[in-house]
Amino acid sequence: MDKQNLFHSSQHGFRKGRSCLSQLLAHHDFVLRLLAEGQNVNTVYLDFAKAFDKVDFNIVLSKMKKIGIHGKILDFIKAFLANRT
């Protein structure tokens, strides 16, 4: 994939010389650049480590609906969580 230049430039995972840290630094720089330009920035960080062992997905989805999360983002999360063990 690297040799054929098939990765997007923002892809950090599973690439030589890139890591979670390099991704966070790139994102941090991006957010600071947007803020310096006077733009608004919203960021959501999700950490699913061990979440599948501890959480009832139906409860999570129900709570997300109650707080107003809906549409494409809720559909994405539902699809992500479907049939996970």
N, C-alpha and C. Protein backbone atom coordinates (compact mmCIF):
# COMPACT_ATOMS: atom_id res chain seq x y z
N MET A 1 0.82 -1.19 0.00
CA MET A 1 0.00 0.00 0.00
C MET A 1 0.87 1.26 0.00
N ASP A 2 1.93 1.26 0.82
CA ASP A 2 2.81 2.42 0.84
C ASP A 2 3.50 2.62 -0.51
N LYS A 3 4.00 1.53 -1.07
CA LYS A 3 4.74 1.64 -2.34
C LYS A 3 3.87 2.18 -3.47
N GLN A 4 2.59 1.84 -3.45
CA GLN A 4 1.67 2.30 -4.48
C GLN A 4 0.98 3.62 -4.12
N ASN A 5 1.36 4.18 -2.96
CA ASN A 5 0.79 5.44 -2.48
C ASN A 5 -0.74 5.35 -2.37
N LEU A 6 -1.23 4.25 -1.79
CA LEU A 6 -2.66 4.03 -1.68
C LEU A 6 -3.26 4.50 -0.36
N PHE A 7 -2.42 4.85 0.60
CA PHE A 7 -2.92 5.38 1.86
C PHE A 7 -3.22 6.87 1.72
N HIS A 8 -4.25 7.33 2.37
CA HIS A 8 -4.51 8.76 2.46
C HIS A 8 -3.43 9.36 3.35
N SER A 9 -3.07 10.59 3.09
CA SER A 9 -2.00 11.23 3.86
C SER A 9 -2.31 11.33 5.35
N SER A 10 -3.59 11.29 5.71
CA SER A 10 -3.95 11.39 7.13
C SER A 10 -3.97 10.04 7.83
N GLN A 11 -3.70 8.95 7.11
CA GLN A 11 -3.69 7.61 7.71
C GLN A 11 -2.43 7.45 8.55
N HIS A 12 -2.60 7.16 9.82
CA HIS A 12 -1.46 6.97 10.71
C HIS A 12 -1.33 5.53 11.19
N GLY A 13 -2.44 4.86 11.43
CA GLY A 13 -2.39 3.50 11.93
C GLY A 13 -1.80 2.53 10.92
N PHE A 14 -1.01 1.61 11.40
CA PHE A 14 -0.43 0.54 10.60
C PHE A 14 0.50 1.05 9.51
N ARG A 15 1.14 2.17 9.73
CA ARG A 15 2.11 2.71 8.78
C ARG A 15 3.44 2.93 9.47
N LYS A 16 4.51 2.59 8.78
CA LYS A 16 5.85 2.76 9.31
C LYS A 16 6.12 4.24 9.59
N GLY A 17 6.65 4.51 10.79
CA GLY A 17 7.00 5.87 11.15
C GLY A 17 5.83 6.72 11.62
N ARG A 18 4.66 6.10 11.72
CA ARG A 18 3.49 6.82 12.20
C ARG A 18 2.88 6.04 13.35
N SER A 19 2.14 6.77 14.21
CA SER A 19 1.61 6.13 15.41
C SER A 19 0.41 6.91 15.91
N CYS A 20 -0.14 6.47 17.02
CA CYS A 20 -1.22 7.21 17.67
C CYS A 20 -0.72 8.61 18.04
N LEU A 21 0.51 8.69 18.50
CA LEU A 21 1.07 9.99 18.87
C LEU A 21 1.18 10.91 17.66
N SER A 22 1.67 10.41 16.54
CA SER A 22 1.80 11.27 15.36
C SER A 22 0.43 11.73 14.88
N GLN A 23 -0.59 10.87 15.02
CA GLN A 23 -1.95 11.26 14.63
C GLN A 23 -2.47 12.35 15.55
N LEU A 24 -2.26 12.19 16.85
CA LEU A 24 -2.73 13.21 17.79
C LEU A 24 -2.04 14.55 17.57
N LEU A 25 -0.75 14.52 17.27
CA LEU A 25 -0.03 15.76 17.00
C LEU A 25 -0.54 16.43 15.72
N ALA A 26 -0.79 15.65 14.69
CA ALA A 26 -1.32 16.19 13.43
C ALA A 26 -2.71 16.80 13.67
N HIS A 27 -3.53 16.10 14.44
CA HIS A 27 -4.87 16.61 14.73
C HIS A 27 -4.79 17.90 15.56
N HIS A 28 -3.91 17.92 16.54
CA HIS A 28 -3.72 19.10 17.37
C HIS A 28 -3.32 20.30 16.52
N ASP A 29 -2.37 20.10 15.61
CA ASP A 29 -1.95 21.18 14.71
C ASP A 29 -3.11 21.65 13.83
N PHE A 30 -3.91 20.71 13.34
CA PHE A 30 -5.05 21.03 12.49
C PHE A 30 -6.07 21.89 13.26
N VAL A 31 -6.39 21.48 14.48
CA VAL A 31 -7.34 22.22 15.30
C VAL A 31 -6.81 23.62 15.60
N LEU A 32 -5.55 23.73 15.97
CA LEU A 32 -4.97 25.05 16.25
C LEU A 32 -5.00 25.95 15.02
N ARG A 33 -4.74 25.39 13.86
CA ARG A 33 -4.77 26.17 12.61
C ARG A 33 -6.19 26.71 12.36
N LEU A 34 -7.20 25.85 12.53
CA LEU A 34 -8.59 26.29 12.33
C LEU A 34 -8.97 27.37 13.33
N LEU A 35 -8.60 27.20 14.59
CA LEU A 35 -8.92 28.20 15.60
C LEU A 35 -8.23 29.54 15.30
N ALA A 36 -6.99 29.48 14.83
CA ALA A 36 -6.27 30.70 14.47
C ALA A 36 -6.96 31.44 13.32
N GLU A 37 -7.65 30.67 12.46
CA GLU A 37 -8.39 31.26 11.34
C GLU A 37 -9.78 31.74 11.76
N GLY A 38 -10.11 31.58 13.05
CA GLY A 38 -11.39 32.03 13.55
C GLY A 38 -12.54 31.06 13.33
N GLN A 39 -12.23 29.82 12.98
CA GLN A 39 -13.27 28.85 12.74
C GLN A 39 -13.62 28.10 14.02
N ASN A 40 -14.83 27.58 14.06
CA ASN A 40 -15.25 26.74 15.19
C ASN A 40 -14.77 25.32 14.95
N VAL A 41 -14.47 24.61 16.04
CA VAL A 41 -13.98 23.24 15.94
C VAL A 41 -14.72 22.38 16.94
N ASN A 42 -15.22 21.25 16.50
CA ASN A 42 -15.82 20.24 17.38
C ASN A 42 -15.05 18.95 17.19
N THR A 43 -14.71 18.31 18.28
CA THR A 43 -13.97 17.06 18.21
C THR A 43 -14.59 16.05 19.16
N VAL A 44 -14.69 14.82 18.71
CA VAL A 44 -15.19 13.74 19.55
C VAL A 44 -14.11 12.66 19.57
N TYR A 45 -13.71 12.25 20.76
CA TYR A 45 -12.75 11.17 20.93
C TYR A 45 -13.49 9.96 21.48
N LEU A 46 -13.32 8.84 20.85
CA LEU A 46 -13.94 7.61 21.32
C LEU A 46 -12.85 6.59 21.62
N ASP A 47 -12.93 5.97 22.76
CA ASP A 47 -11.99 4.93 23.13
C ASP A 47 -12.79 3.68 23.45
N PHE A 48 -12.70 2.70 22.57
CA PHE A 48 -13.49 1.49 22.73
C PHE A 48 -12.73 0.37 23.44
N ALA A 49 -11.59 0.67 24.01
CA ALA A 49 -10.80 -0.35 24.70
C ALA A 49 -11.63 -0.99 25.81
N LYS A 50 -11.80 -2.26 25.75
CA LYS A 50 -12.53 -3.08 26.72
C LYS A 50 -13.99 -2.69 26.86
N ALA A 51 -14.48 -1.77 26.05
CA ALA A 51 -15.88 -1.36 26.16
C ALA A 51 -16.81 -2.52 25.87
N PHE A 52 -16.42 -3.42 25.01
CA PHE A 52 -17.29 -4.52 24.63
C PHE A 52 -17.47 -5.53 25.75
N ASP A 53 -16.59 -5.49 26.73
CA ASP A 53 -16.71 -6.40 27.87
C ASP A 53 -17.58 -5.82 28.98
N LYS A 54 -17.86 -4.53 28.95
CA LYS A 54 -18.45 -3.87 30.10
C LYS A 54 -19.78 -3.16 29.84
N VAL A 55 -20.17 -2.96 28.60
CA VAL A 55 -21.29 -2.08 28.32
C VAL A 55 -22.41 -2.82 27.57
N ASP A 56 -23.64 -2.55 28.00
CA ASP A 56 -24.81 -3.02 27.26
C ASP A 56 -25.09 -1.99 26.17
N PHE A 57 -24.91 -2.37 24.91
CA PHE A 57 -25.02 -1.43 23.80
C PHE A 57 -26.40 -0.81 23.69
N ASN A 58 -27.44 -1.57 24.03
CA ASN A 58 -28.80 -1.02 23.96
C ASN A 58 -29.00 0.13 24.93
N ILE A 59 -28.38 0.03 26.09
CA ILE A 59 -28.47 1.12 27.06
C ILE A 59 -27.73 2.34 26.54
N VAL A 60 -26.55 2.12 25.98
CA VAL A 60 -25.76 3.23 25.43
C VAL A 60 -26.54 3.93 24.32
N LEU A 61 -27.09 3.16 23.40
CA LEU A 61 -27.83 3.75 22.27
C LEU A 61 -29.07 4.50 22.77
N SER A 62 -29.75 3.95 23.77
CA SER A 62 -30.92 4.61 24.33
C SER A 62 -30.54 5.94 24.96
N LYS A 63 -29.45 5.96 25.71
CA LYS A 63 -29.00 7.20 26.34
C LYS A 63 -28.55 8.22 25.29
N MET A 64 -27.93 7.74 24.22
CA MET A 64 -27.50 8.66 23.17
C MET A 64 -28.71 9.34 22.53
N LYS A 65 -29.77 8.57 22.29
CA LYS A 65 -31.00 9.14 21.73
C LYS A 65 -31.57 10.19 22.67
N LYS A 66 -31.58 9.89 23.98
CA LYS A 66 -32.15 10.81 24.96
C LYS A 66 -31.42 12.14 25.03
N ILE A 67 -30.12 12.12 24.78
CA ILE A 67 -29.36 13.39 24.83
C ILE A 67 -29.29 14.09 23.48
N GLY A 68 -29.98 13.52 22.48
CA GLY A 68 -30.10 14.22 21.20
C GLY A 68 -29.18 13.78 20.10
N ILE A 69 -28.48 12.68 20.29
CA ILE A 69 -27.64 12.16 19.21
C ILE A 69 -28.53 11.35 18.29
N HIS A 70 -28.54 11.69 17.02
CA HIS A 70 -29.42 11.02 16.07
C HIS A 70 -28.84 11.12 14.67
N GLY A 71 -29.56 10.63 13.71
CA GLY A 71 -29.15 10.74 12.32
C GLY A 71 -27.97 9.85 11.98
N LYS A 72 -27.11 10.36 11.11
CA LYS A 72 -26.00 9.57 10.58
C LYS A 72 -25.01 9.13 11.66
N ILE A 73 -24.76 10.00 12.63
CA ILE A 73 -23.79 9.62 13.67
C ILE A 73 -24.32 8.46 14.51
N LEU A 74 -25.61 8.50 14.85
CA LEU A 74 -26.19 7.39 15.62
C LEU A 74 -26.22 6.12 14.77
N ASP A 75 -26.55 6.25 13.49
CA ASP A 75 -26.54 5.09 12.60
C ASP A 75 -25.15 4.48 12.50
N PHE A 76 -24.12 5.33 12.44
CA PHE A 76 -22.75 4.84 12.38
C PHE A 76 -22.40 4.06 13.65
N ILE A 77 -22.74 4.62 14.79
CA ILE A 77 -22.41 3.95 16.06
C ILE A 77 -23.19 2.65 16.19
N LYS A 78 -24.46 2.64 15.79
CA LYS A 78 -25.25 1.39 15.82
C LYS A 78 -24.58 0.33 14.96
N ALA A 79 -24.20 0.71 13.75
CA ALA A 79 -23.56 -0.26 12.84
C ALA A 79 -22.23 -0.74 13.40
N PHE A 80 -21.49 0.16 14.03
CA PHE A 80 -20.20 -0.21 14.61
C PHE A 80 -20.37 -1.21 15.74
N LEU A 81 -21.40 -1.02 16.55
CA LEU A 81 -21.61 -1.86 17.72
C LEU A 81 -22.35 -3.15 17.42
N ALA A 82 -22.99 -3.25 16.28
CA ALA A 82 -23.81 -4.41 15.96
C ALA A 82 -22.98 -5.70 15.93
N ASN A 83 -23.49 -6.71 16.62
CA ASN A 83 -22.89 -8.05 16.62
C ASN A 83 -21.45 -8.09 17.11
N ARG A 84 -21.08 -7.18 18.00
CA ARG A 84 -19.72 -7.18 18.56
C ARG A 84 -19.68 -8.07 19.80
N THR A 85 -18.57 -8.73 20.01
CA THR A 85 -18.37 -9.51 21.22
C THR A 85 -17.02 -9.18 21.82
